[in-house]
Amino acid sequence: MTMPFDIPPMGEQERMVEAMLFASARPLTLREMERRMPQGCDAAEALAALRQRYEGRGVQITRVGEGWAFRTAPDLGFLMQQQIAEQKKLSRAAIETLAIVAYHQPVTRAEIEEIRGVAVSRGTIDQLLELEWIRFGRRRMTPGRPVTFVVTEEFLDHFGLESARDLPGLKELRAAGLLDNRPMPGLLRREDEPGAKGQSEMFEE
């Protein structure tokens, strides 16, 4: 007795995954891909085979947070640099706030202010929300149930990170010219503090 729907061969499943990643404007998770594929397909196996086929090519399949996406090979990134770009520079307050969220998430506004030692303006939070570099996390089960903030997949994607574990330390940030020599409030000193713990996962369930 034949099945009413045959499971597509692995080569065809690879083509499906390739098509979805190519057409998607954002990284896709394995669960999202498998939901779109015919019943019985194995998105994880197809993705693994597809990643192998793209090794050494001009584009690669890269993990971004919990999702996967096509990205330019790191050594060819210089080809994608725009000659004329309008850059929206962040204020020092916004940079400090973003760093605190990234390294201490999930974190409340009161906790950000405690770490920085000064009040955080609504405009600073709004700017980071508009850039889609931070988002609202779960509310704390404490009096007032304050909302927390976490960084987003857009933040990860922009800085070429897979997860919070890939966040650079102070020395790396300064070597890249992203920080001056003044202390950055709340930034975890992973190189300066040998006993520092590893980063927590980037996203809440």
N, C-alpha and C. Protein backbone atom coordinates (compact mmCIF):
# COMPACT_ATOMS: atom_id res chain seq x y z
N MET A 1 0.85 -1.20 0.00
CA MET A 1 0.00 0.00 0.00
C MET A 1 0.88 1.24 0.00
N THR A 2 0.64 2.13 -0.92
CA THR A 2 1.46 3.32 -1.02
C THR A 2 0.92 4.43 -0.14
N MET A 3 1.84 5.24 0.38
CA MET A 3 1.46 6.39 1.21
C MET A 3 0.83 7.45 0.31
N PRO A 4 -0.19 8.17 0.80
CA PRO A 4 -0.81 9.22 -0.02
C PRO A 4 0.17 10.35 -0.32
N PHE A 5 1.12 10.60 0.59
CA PHE A 5 2.12 11.63 0.36
C PHE A 5 3.49 11.06 0.68
N ASP A 6 4.35 10.98 -0.28
CA ASP A 6 5.70 10.50 -0.05
C ASP A 6 6.56 11.61 0.51
N ILE A 7 7.48 11.24 1.41
CA ILE A 7 8.41 12.22 1.96
C ILE A 7 9.40 12.59 0.86
N PRO A 8 9.60 13.88 0.59
CA PRO A 8 10.55 14.28 -0.46
C PRO A 8 11.95 13.78 -0.15
N PRO A 9 12.74 13.44 -1.19
CA PRO A 9 14.13 13.02 -0.94
C PRO A 9 14.92 14.16 -0.31
N MET A 10 16.05 13.82 0.35
CA MET A 10 16.81 14.82 1.08
C MET A 10 17.28 15.95 0.18
N GLY A 11 17.63 15.63 -1.05
CA GLY A 11 18.06 16.68 -1.98
C GLY A 11 16.98 17.72 -2.19
N GLU A 12 15.74 17.28 -2.25
CA GLU A 12 14.61 18.20 -2.43
C GLU A 12 14.37 18.99 -1.14
N GLN A 13 14.56 18.34 0.01
CA GLN A 13 14.41 19.05 1.28
C GLN A 13 15.46 20.15 1.42
N GLU A 14 16.67 19.88 0.95
CA GLU A 14 17.72 20.90 0.96
C GLU A 14 17.29 22.09 0.11
N ARG A 15 16.70 21.83 -1.05
CA ARG A 15 16.24 22.92 -1.92
C ARG A 15 15.17 23.75 -1.24
N MET A 16 14.29 23.09 -0.49
CA MET A 16 13.24 23.82 0.23
C MET A 16 13.84 24.75 1.27
N VAL A 17 14.79 24.22 2.07
CA VAL A 17 15.44 25.03 3.09
C VAL A 17 16.18 26.19 2.44
N GLU A 18 16.87 25.92 1.36
CA GLU A 18 17.62 26.96 0.65
C GLU A 18 16.68 28.07 0.17
N ALA A 19 15.55 27.68 -0.38
CA ALA A 19 14.58 28.65 -0.89
C ALA A 19 14.01 29.51 0.23
N MET A 20 13.69 28.88 1.36
CA MET A 20 13.11 29.63 2.47
C MET A 20 14.11 30.64 3.04
N LEU A 21 15.36 30.20 3.23
CA LEU A 21 16.37 31.10 3.78
C LEU A 21 16.68 32.24 2.81
N PHE A 22 16.71 31.93 1.54
CA PHE A 22 17.02 32.94 0.53
C PHE A 22 15.94 34.02 0.47
N ALA A 23 14.68 33.61 0.61
CA ALA A 23 13.57 34.54 0.45
C ALA A 23 13.22 35.28 1.73
N SER A 24 13.67 34.78 2.89
CA SER A 24 13.26 35.37 4.16
C SER A 24 14.02 36.65 4.47
N ALA A 25 13.29 37.64 4.97
CA ALA A 25 13.92 38.91 5.35
C ALA A 25 14.53 38.84 6.74
N ARG A 26 14.33 37.73 7.45
CA ARG A 26 14.87 37.58 8.80
C ARG A 26 15.31 36.13 8.98
N PRO A 27 16.15 35.86 9.98
CA PRO A 27 16.57 34.49 10.24
C PRO A 27 15.38 33.60 10.57
N LEU A 28 15.42 32.36 10.14
CA LEU A 28 14.36 31.39 10.40
C LEU A 28 14.86 30.30 11.34
N THR A 29 14.01 29.88 12.26
CA THR A 29 14.35 28.79 13.14
C THR A 29 14.04 27.46 12.45
N LEU A 30 14.62 26.38 12.98
CA LEU A 30 14.33 25.05 12.43
C LEU A 30 12.85 24.73 12.54
N ARG A 31 12.24 25.14 13.63
CA ARG A 31 10.81 24.87 13.83
C ARG A 31 9.98 25.57 12.77
N GLU A 32 10.34 26.82 12.45
CA GLU A 32 9.60 27.55 11.42
C GLU A 32 9.74 26.89 10.06
N MET A 33 10.97 26.46 9.75
CA MET A 33 11.18 25.81 8.45
C MET A 33 10.43 24.49 8.35
N GLU A 34 10.50 23.71 9.42
CA GLU A 34 9.86 22.40 9.39
C GLU A 34 8.34 22.52 9.30
N ARG A 35 7.78 23.57 9.90
CA ARG A 35 6.32 23.79 9.81
C ARG A 35 5.88 24.01 8.37
N ARG A 36 6.75 24.63 7.57
CA ARG A 36 6.39 24.95 6.19
C ARG A 36 6.64 23.78 5.23
N MET A 37 7.44 22.82 5.66
CA MET A 37 7.81 21.71 4.80
C MET A 37 6.78 20.59 4.90
N PRO A 38 6.72 19.70 3.89
CA PRO A 38 5.78 18.57 3.95
C PRO A 38 6.03 17.71 5.18
N GLN A 39 5.00 17.06 5.66
CA GLN A 39 5.10 16.22 6.85
C GLN A 39 6.14 15.12 6.64
N GLY A 40 6.95 14.92 7.67
CA GLY A 40 7.98 13.89 7.58
C GLY A 40 9.35 14.42 7.20
N CYS A 41 9.44 15.68 6.79
CA CYS A 41 10.73 16.27 6.41
C CYS A 41 11.57 16.53 7.65
N ASP A 42 12.87 16.51 7.47
CA ASP A 42 13.82 16.76 8.56
C ASP A 42 14.60 18.03 8.24
N ALA A 43 14.13 19.16 8.76
CA ALA A 43 14.76 20.44 8.45
C ALA A 43 16.19 20.50 8.97
N ALA A 44 16.45 19.89 10.15
CA ALA A 44 17.78 19.94 10.74
C ALA A 44 18.79 19.21 9.86
N GLU A 45 18.43 18.04 9.37
CA GLU A 45 19.35 17.27 8.51
C GLU A 45 19.57 18.00 7.19
N ALA A 46 18.49 18.55 6.62
CA ALA A 46 18.61 19.27 5.36
C ALA A 46 19.49 20.51 5.52
N LEU A 47 19.32 21.21 6.65
CA LEU A 47 20.12 22.40 6.91
C LEU A 47 21.60 22.05 7.06
N ALA A 48 21.89 20.97 7.79
CA ALA A 48 23.28 20.55 7.99
C ALA A 48 23.95 20.23 6.66
N ALA A 49 23.24 19.52 5.79
CA ALA A 49 23.79 19.18 4.48
C ALA A 49 23.99 20.43 3.63
N LEU A 50 23.02 21.35 3.72
CA LEU A 50 23.10 22.58 2.93
C LEU A 50 24.26 23.45 3.40
N ARG A 51 24.46 23.55 4.71
CA ARG A 51 25.59 24.33 5.25
C ARG A 51 26.91 23.78 4.74
N GLN A 52 27.00 22.48 4.66
CA GLN A 52 28.24 21.85 4.18
C GLN A 52 28.49 22.22 2.72
N ARG A 53 27.41 22.26 1.94
CA ARG A 53 27.56 22.59 0.52
C ARG A 53 28.01 24.04 0.33
N TYR A 54 27.66 24.92 1.27
CA TYR A 54 28.02 26.32 1.13
C TYR A 54 29.35 26.68 1.79
N GLU A 55 30.03 25.72 2.39
CA GLU A 55 31.33 26.00 3.00
C GLU A 55 32.32 26.46 1.93
N GLY A 56 33.01 27.56 2.24
CA GLY A 56 34.00 28.09 1.32
C GLY A 56 33.42 28.94 0.20
N ARG A 57 32.11 29.11 0.16
CA ARG A 57 31.48 29.92 -0.88
C ARG A 57 31.43 31.39 -0.45
N GLY A 58 30.97 32.25 -1.36
CA GLY A 58 30.89 33.67 -1.06
C GLY A 58 29.83 34.01 -0.04
N VAL A 59 28.82 33.16 0.08
CA VAL A 59 27.80 33.31 1.12
C VAL A 59 27.78 32.03 1.93
N GLN A 60 27.40 32.16 3.20
CA GLN A 60 27.34 31.02 4.10
C GLN A 60 26.02 31.05 4.85
N ILE A 61 25.66 29.90 5.40
CA ILE A 61 24.46 29.84 6.24
C ILE A 61 24.94 29.97 7.68
N THR A 62 24.51 31.05 8.31
CA THR A 62 25.02 31.43 9.62
C THR A 62 23.92 31.40 10.67
N ARG A 63 24.28 30.97 11.87
CA ARG A 63 23.32 30.99 12.97
C ARG A 63 23.23 32.40 13.53
N VAL A 64 22.01 32.88 13.72
CA VAL A 64 21.75 34.19 14.31
C VAL A 64 20.74 33.99 15.42
N GLY A 65 21.20 34.00 16.68
CA GLY A 65 20.30 33.71 17.78
C GLY A 65 19.80 32.28 17.68
N GLU A 66 18.47 32.11 17.60
CA GLU A 66 17.88 30.78 17.45
C GLU A 66 17.60 30.46 15.99
N GLY A 67 17.89 31.40 15.10
CA GLY A 67 17.57 31.20 13.69
C GLY A 67 18.78 31.03 12.80
N TRP A 68 18.51 30.88 11.50
CA TRP A 68 19.55 30.68 10.50
C TRP A 68 19.29 31.60 9.32
N ALA A 69 20.37 32.06 8.68
CA ALA A 69 20.21 33.00 7.56
C ALA A 69 21.44 32.94 6.65
N PHE A 70 21.24 33.33 5.39
CA PHE A 70 22.37 33.51 4.48
C PHE A 70 23.09 34.79 4.84
N ARG A 71 24.41 34.74 4.93
CA ARG A 71 25.21 35.92 5.20
C ARG A 71 26.50 35.87 4.37
N THR A 72 27.01 37.04 4.04
CA THR A 72 28.26 37.13 3.29
C THR A 72 29.39 36.50 4.10
N ALA A 73 30.28 35.76 3.42
CA ALA A 73 31.43 35.17 4.10
C ALA A 73 32.22 36.27 4.80
N PRO A 74 32.64 36.07 6.04
CA PRO A 74 33.32 37.12 6.82
C PRO A 74 34.49 37.77 6.10
N ASP A 75 35.27 36.98 5.34
CA ASP A 75 36.45 37.55 4.69
C ASP A 75 36.11 38.39 3.47
N LEU A 76 34.82 38.38 3.06
CA LEU A 76 34.41 39.18 1.90
C LEU A 76 33.53 40.36 2.31
N GLY A 77 33.42 40.59 3.60
CA GLY A 77 32.56 41.66 4.08
C GLY A 77 32.96 43.03 3.55
N PHE A 78 34.25 43.22 3.24
CA PHE A 78 34.71 44.53 2.75
C PHE A 78 34.06 44.88 1.41
N LEU A 79 33.62 43.89 0.66
CA LEU A 79 32.99 44.14 -0.64
C LEU A 79 31.60 44.74 -0.48
N MET A 80 31.00 44.54 0.69
CA MET A 80 29.64 45.00 0.90
C MET A 80 29.57 46.38 1.53
N GLN A 81 30.71 46.97 1.86
CA GLN A 81 30.70 48.27 2.51
C GLN A 81 30.22 49.34 1.54
N GLN A 82 29.27 50.14 2.01
CA GLN A 82 28.75 51.23 1.19
C GLN A 82 29.68 52.42 1.27
N GLN A 83 29.90 53.05 0.13
CA GLN A 83 30.78 54.22 0.09
C GLN A 83 30.14 55.42 0.76
N ILE A 84 28.82 55.53 0.61
CA ILE A 84 28.09 56.64 1.23
C ILE A 84 27.02 56.04 2.12
N ALA A 85 27.09 56.30 3.40
CA ALA A 85 26.11 55.74 4.33
C ALA A 85 25.75 56.79 5.37
N GLU A 86 24.46 56.90 5.61
CA GLU A 86 24.00 57.82 6.64
C GLU A 86 23.95 57.05 7.94
N GLN A 87 24.81 57.39 8.86
CA GLN A 87 24.90 56.68 10.11
C GLN A 87 24.25 57.48 11.23
N LYS A 88 23.46 56.80 12.01
CA LYS A 88 22.82 57.43 13.15
C LYS A 88 23.66 57.10 14.37
N LYS A 89 24.47 58.05 14.82
CA LYS A 89 25.37 57.78 15.93
C LYS A 89 24.60 57.77 17.24
N LEU A 90 24.97 56.81 18.07
CA LEU A 90 24.36 56.71 19.39
C LEU A 90 25.09 57.62 20.36
N SER A 91 24.33 58.22 21.26
CA SER A 91 24.93 59.01 22.33
C SER A 91 25.66 58.08 23.29
N ARG A 92 26.52 58.64 24.12
CA ARG A 92 27.22 57.81 25.11
C ARG A 92 26.21 57.15 26.05
N ALA A 93 25.14 57.87 26.39
CA ALA A 93 24.12 57.30 27.26
C ALA A 93 23.48 56.08 26.61
N ALA A 94 23.22 56.17 25.30
CA ALA A 94 22.61 55.05 24.59
C ALA A 94 23.57 53.87 24.49
N ILE A 95 24.85 54.16 24.24
CA ILE A 95 25.85 53.10 24.15
C ILE A 95 25.98 52.38 25.49
N GLU A 96 26.03 53.16 26.58
CA GLU A 96 26.15 52.56 27.90
C GLU A 96 24.92 51.72 28.23
N THR A 97 23.75 52.25 27.89
CA THR A 97 22.51 51.52 28.16
C THR A 97 22.46 50.22 27.37
N LEU A 98 22.85 50.29 26.09
CA LEU A 98 22.86 49.10 25.24
C LEU A 98 23.83 48.05 25.79
N ALA A 99 25.01 48.51 26.23
CA ALA A 99 26.01 47.58 26.77
C ALA A 99 25.49 46.91 28.04
N ILE A 100 24.83 47.67 28.89
CA ILE A 100 24.30 47.11 30.13
C ILE A 100 23.22 46.07 29.84
N VAL A 101 22.33 46.38 28.90
CA VAL A 101 21.30 45.41 28.53
C VAL A 101 21.94 44.14 27.97
N ALA A 102 22.93 44.31 27.08
CA ALA A 102 23.56 43.15 26.44
C ALA A 102 24.26 42.25 27.44
N TYR A 103 24.96 42.85 28.40
CA TYR A 103 25.78 42.07 29.32
C TYR A 103 25.07 41.67 30.61
N HIS A 104 23.89 42.26 30.89
CA HIS A 104 23.20 41.97 32.14
C HIS A 104 21.77 41.49 31.94
N GLN A 105 21.34 41.30 30.71
CA GLN A 105 19.95 40.94 30.45
C GLN A 105 19.54 39.64 31.11
N PRO A 106 18.24 39.52 31.45
CA PRO A 106 17.21 40.56 31.38
C PRO A 106 17.40 41.57 32.51
N VAL A 107 17.25 42.86 32.20
CA VAL A 107 17.53 43.90 33.17
C VAL A 107 16.43 44.96 33.13
N THR A 108 16.04 45.48 34.30
CA THR A 108 14.99 46.49 34.36
C THR A 108 15.60 47.88 34.21
N ARG A 109 14.75 48.84 33.97
CA ARG A 109 15.22 50.23 33.85
C ARG A 109 15.87 50.69 35.16
N ALA A 110 15.28 50.31 36.30
CA ALA A 110 15.86 50.70 37.59
C ALA A 110 17.25 50.10 37.76
N GLU A 111 17.44 48.88 37.30
CA GLU A 111 18.74 48.24 37.41
C GLU A 111 19.76 48.91 36.49
N ILE A 112 19.31 49.33 35.29
CA ILE A 112 20.20 50.06 34.39
C ILE A 112 20.66 51.36 35.05
N GLU A 113 19.72 52.06 35.67
CA GLU A 113 20.05 53.32 36.33
C GLU A 113 20.98 53.10 37.52
N GLU A 114 20.79 51.99 38.23
CA GLU A 114 21.65 51.69 39.36
C GLU A 114 23.08 51.42 38.90
N ILE A 115 23.22 50.71 37.79
CA ILE A 115 24.55 50.39 37.25
C ILE A 115 25.22 51.65 36.70
N ARG A 116 24.46 52.47 35.96
CA ARG A 116 25.03 53.69 35.37
C ARG A 116 25.26 54.77 36.41
N GLY A 117 24.45 54.76 37.46
CA GLY A 117 24.57 55.79 38.48
C GLY A 117 23.83 57.07 38.15
N VAL A 118 23.12 57.08 37.03
CA VAL A 118 22.31 58.24 36.63
C VAL A 118 21.00 57.75 36.04
N ALA A 119 20.03 58.65 35.95
CA ALA A 119 18.74 58.29 35.38
C ALA A 119 18.86 58.02 33.88
N VAL A 120 18.03 57.11 33.39
CA VAL A 120 17.99 56.80 31.95
C VAL A 120 16.76 57.49 31.36
N SER A 121 16.98 58.35 30.38
CA SER A 121 15.86 59.07 29.80
C SER A 121 15.00 58.15 28.93
N ARG A 122 13.73 58.51 28.82
CA ARG A 122 12.81 57.73 27.97
C ARG A 122 13.29 57.76 26.52
N GLY A 123 13.89 58.88 26.11
CA GLY A 123 14.37 58.99 24.74
C GLY A 123 15.46 57.99 24.41
N THR A 124 16.33 57.72 25.38
CA THR A 124 17.41 56.75 25.17
C THR A 124 16.84 55.35 24.95
N ILE A 125 15.90 54.96 25.80
CA ILE A 125 15.26 53.65 25.65
C ILE A 125 14.51 53.58 24.33
N ASP A 126 13.75 54.65 24.00
CA ASP A 126 12.97 54.67 22.77
C ASP A 126 13.86 54.54 21.54
N GLN A 127 15.04 55.18 21.56
CA GLN A 127 15.94 55.10 20.42
C GLN A 127 16.41 53.66 20.18
N LEU A 128 16.75 52.99 21.26
CA LEU A 128 17.21 51.60 21.12
C LEU A 128 16.08 50.67 20.71
N LEU A 129 14.85 50.97 21.18
CA LEU A 129 13.69 50.18 20.75
C LEU A 129 13.39 50.41 19.27
N GLU A 130 13.51 51.66 18.82
CA GLU A 130 13.26 51.99 17.41
C GLU A 130 14.28 51.34 16.50
N LEU A 131 15.52 51.26 16.95
CA LEU A 131 16.56 50.58 16.18
C LEU A 131 16.37 49.07 16.17
N GLU A 132 15.45 48.59 17.05
CA GLU A 132 15.17 47.17 17.21
C GLU A 132 16.41 46.41 17.69
N TRP A 133 17.22 47.09 18.54
CA TRP A 133 18.39 46.45 19.14
C TRP A 133 18.08 45.94 20.53
N ILE A 134 17.01 46.46 21.15
CA ILE A 134 16.53 45.90 22.41
C ILE A 134 15.02 45.71 22.28
N ARG A 135 14.49 44.86 23.14
CA ARG A 135 13.03 44.65 23.17
C ARG A 135 12.61 44.41 24.61
N PHE A 136 11.31 44.41 24.83
CA PHE A 136 10.79 44.14 26.16
C PHE A 136 10.90 42.64 26.45
N GLY A 137 11.37 42.31 27.64
CA GLY A 137 11.40 40.91 28.08
C GLY A 137 10.25 40.65 29.03
N ARG A 138 10.40 39.60 29.81
CA ARG A 138 9.35 39.27 30.78
C ARG A 138 9.35 40.27 31.94
N ARG A 139 8.20 40.39 32.57
CA ARG A 139 8.11 41.23 33.77
C ARG A 139 8.70 40.48 34.96
N ARG A 140 9.37 41.21 35.84
CA ARG A 140 9.93 40.62 37.05
C ARG A 140 8.81 40.32 38.04
N MET A 141 8.91 39.20 38.71
CA MET A 141 7.93 38.84 39.73
C MET A 141 8.30 39.51 41.06
N THR A 142 8.39 40.84 41.02
CA THR A 142 8.70 41.65 42.19
C THR A 142 7.65 42.75 42.28
N PRO A 143 7.59 43.45 43.40
CA PRO A 143 6.58 44.51 43.54
C PRO A 143 6.60 45.48 42.35
N GLY A 144 5.42 45.73 41.82
CA GLY A 144 5.30 46.59 40.66
C GLY A 144 5.48 45.87 39.35
N ARG A 145 5.99 44.62 39.41
CA ARG A 145 6.22 43.81 38.22
C ARG A 145 6.87 44.61 37.09
N PRO A 146 8.07 45.16 37.32
CA PRO A 146 8.73 45.97 36.30
C PRO A 146 9.09 45.16 35.06
N VAL A 147 9.01 45.79 33.90
CA VAL A 147 9.36 45.13 32.65
C VAL A 147 10.88 45.06 32.54
N THR A 148 11.38 44.03 31.89
CA THR A 148 12.82 43.91 31.66
C THR A 148 13.13 44.18 30.20
N PHE A 149 14.41 44.38 29.91
CA PHE A 149 14.86 44.58 28.53
C PHE A 149 15.90 43.53 28.19
N VAL A 150 15.86 43.06 26.93
CA VAL A 150 16.86 42.13 26.40
C VAL A 150 17.22 42.61 25.00
N VAL A 151 18.37 42.18 24.50
CA VAL A 151 18.74 42.53 23.13
C VAL A 151 18.04 41.60 22.15
N THR A 152 17.99 42.00 20.89
CA THR A 152 17.22 41.28 19.88
C THR A 152 18.11 40.54 18.90
N GLU A 153 17.46 39.75 18.04
CA GLU A 153 18.20 39.08 16.97
C GLU A 153 18.76 40.11 15.99
N GLU A 154 18.06 41.25 15.83
CA GLU A 154 18.58 42.31 14.96
C GLU A 154 19.91 42.83 15.50
N PHE A 155 20.02 42.95 16.81
CA PHE A 155 21.28 43.36 17.44
C PHE A 155 22.37 42.34 17.12
N LEU A 156 22.06 41.06 17.31
CA LEU A 156 23.02 40.00 17.02
C LEU A 156 23.45 40.05 15.57
N ASP A 157 22.46 40.17 14.68
CA ASP A 157 22.73 40.15 13.25
C ASP A 157 23.61 41.33 12.85
N HIS A 158 23.31 42.51 13.39
CA HIS A 158 24.06 43.72 13.04
C HIS A 158 25.53 43.59 13.41
N PHE A 159 25.80 42.96 14.55
CA PHE A 159 27.18 42.85 15.02
C PHE A 159 27.81 41.50 14.72
N GLY A 160 27.11 40.69 13.91
CA GLY A 160 27.67 39.41 13.49
C GLY A 160 27.87 38.41 14.60
N LEU A 161 26.94 38.38 15.57
CA LEU A 161 27.04 37.49 16.72
C LEU A 161 26.03 36.35 16.60
N GLU A 162 26.40 35.19 17.10
CA GLU A 162 25.47 34.07 17.14
C GLU A 162 24.64 34.10 18.41
N SER A 163 25.25 34.47 19.52
CA SER A 163 24.55 34.49 20.81
C SER A 163 25.28 35.43 21.75
N ALA A 164 24.74 35.57 22.95
CA ALA A 164 25.36 36.45 23.95
C ALA A 164 26.75 35.98 24.34
N ARG A 165 27.00 34.68 24.18
CA ARG A 165 28.32 34.14 24.53
C ARG A 165 29.42 34.72 23.63
N ASP A 166 29.02 35.28 22.48
CA ASP A 166 30.01 35.83 21.55
C ASP A 166 30.27 37.32 21.78
N LEU A 167 29.61 37.91 22.79
CA LEU A 167 29.85 39.32 23.06
C LEU A 167 31.32 39.54 23.42
N PRO A 168 31.95 40.55 22.84
CA PRO A 168 33.36 40.78 23.11
C PRO A 168 33.60 41.35 24.50
N GLY A 169 34.83 41.24 24.98
CA GLY A 169 35.22 41.83 26.25
C GLY A 169 35.71 43.24 26.04
N LEU A 170 36.12 43.89 27.11
CA LEU A 170 36.56 45.29 27.05
C LEU A 170 37.75 45.48 26.11
N LYS A 171 38.73 44.58 26.21
CA LYS A 171 39.93 44.75 25.39
C LYS A 171 39.59 44.67 23.90
N GLU A 172 38.71 43.74 23.54
CA GLU A 172 38.32 43.60 22.14
C GLU A 172 37.56 44.82 21.65
N LEU A 173 36.65 45.34 22.50
CA LEU A 173 35.88 46.52 22.11
C LEU A 173 36.79 47.73 21.89
N ARG A 174 37.76 47.91 22.78
CA ARG A 174 38.67 49.05 22.64
C ARG A 174 39.60 48.87 21.44
N ALA A 175 40.04 47.65 21.19
CA ALA A 175 40.91 47.39 20.04
C ALA A 175 40.19 47.67 18.74
N ALA A 176 38.86 47.45 18.73
CA ALA A 176 38.07 47.71 17.53
C ALA A 176 37.66 49.18 17.42
N GLY A 177 38.06 50.00 18.40
CA GLY A 177 37.73 51.42 18.38
C GLY A 177 36.31 51.73 18.79
N LEU A 178 35.62 50.77 19.42
CA LEU A 178 34.23 50.98 19.81
C LEU A 178 34.10 51.58 21.20
N LEU A 179 35.20 51.60 21.95
CA LEU A 179 35.18 52.21 23.27
C LEU A 179 36.44 53.04 23.45
N ASP A 180 36.32 54.12 24.21
CA ASP A 180 37.53 54.85 24.57
C ASP A 180 38.07 54.24 25.87
N ASN A 181 39.01 54.90 26.49
CA ASN A 181 39.64 54.33 27.68
C ASN A 181 38.92 54.64 28.98
N ARG A 182 37.81 55.38 28.89
CA ARG A 182 37.05 55.66 30.10
C ARG A 182 36.29 54.41 30.53
N PRO A 183 36.04 54.23 31.82
CA PRO A 183 35.31 53.04 32.27
C PRO A 183 33.90 53.02 31.68
N MET A 184 33.46 51.85 31.27
CA MET A 184 32.10 51.68 30.76
C MET A 184 31.24 51.08 31.87
N PRO A 185 30.27 51.84 32.39
CA PRO A 185 29.46 51.33 33.50
C PRO A 185 28.79 50.01 33.16
N GLY A 186 28.91 49.06 34.11
CA GLY A 186 28.14 47.83 33.99
C GLY A 186 28.65 46.81 33.01
N LEU A 187 29.76 47.07 32.31
CA LEU A 187 30.23 46.11 31.33
C LEU A 187 31.00 45.01 32.05
N LEU A 188 30.64 43.77 31.76
CA LEU A 188 31.32 42.65 32.43
C LEU A 188 32.75 42.55 31.95
N ARG A 189 33.69 42.52 32.88
CA ARG A 189 35.11 42.49 32.52
C ARG A 189 35.58 41.04 32.45
N ARG A 190 35.28 40.40 31.34
CA ARG A 190 35.61 38.98 31.27
C ARG A 190 37.10 38.74 31.20
N GLU A 191 37.86 39.62 30.54
CA GLU A 191 39.31 39.42 30.48
C GLU A 191 39.96 39.93 31.76
N ASP A 192 39.38 40.99 32.34
CA ASP A 192 39.99 41.60 33.52
C ASP A 192 39.66 40.85 34.79
N GLU A 193 38.60 40.04 34.77
CA GLU A 193 38.18 39.31 35.96
C GLU A 193 38.19 37.82 35.66
N PRO A 194 39.27 37.11 36.00
CA PRO A 194 39.39 35.70 35.66
C PRO A 194 38.24 34.85 36.17
N GLY A 195 37.61 35.28 37.24
CA GLY A 195 36.54 34.46 37.81
C GLY A 195 35.17 34.79 37.26
N ALA A 196 35.11 35.68 36.25
CA ALA A 196 33.81 36.09 35.73
C ALA A 196 33.08 34.90 35.13
N LYS A 197 31.77 34.87 35.34
CA LYS A 197 30.96 33.78 34.83
C LYS A 197 30.71 33.99 33.34
N GLY A 198 30.30 32.91 32.64
CA GLY A 198 29.94 33.00 31.23
C GLY A 198 28.61 33.71 31.08
N GLN A 199 28.33 34.15 29.87
CA GLN A 199 27.10 34.89 29.62
C GLN A 199 25.90 33.95 29.64
N SER A 200 24.75 34.51 30.03
CA SER A 200 23.51 33.74 29.99
C SER A 200 23.00 33.70 28.56
N GLU A 201 21.98 32.88 28.33
CA GLU A 201 21.43 32.80 27.00
C GLU A 201 20.81 34.13 26.59
N MET A 202 20.82 34.39 25.28
CA MET A 202 20.38 35.68 24.78
C MET A 202 18.88 35.90 24.92
N PHE A 203 18.07 34.88 24.68
CA PHE A 203 16.64 35.10 24.62
C PHE A 203 15.90 34.27 25.65
N GLU A 204 14.80 34.85 26.12
CA GLU A 204 13.95 34.12 27.05
C GLU A 204 13.02 33.22 26.26
N GLU A 205 12.57 32.18 26.90
CA GLU A 205 11.60 31.29 26.25
C GLU A 205 10.27 31.98 26.14
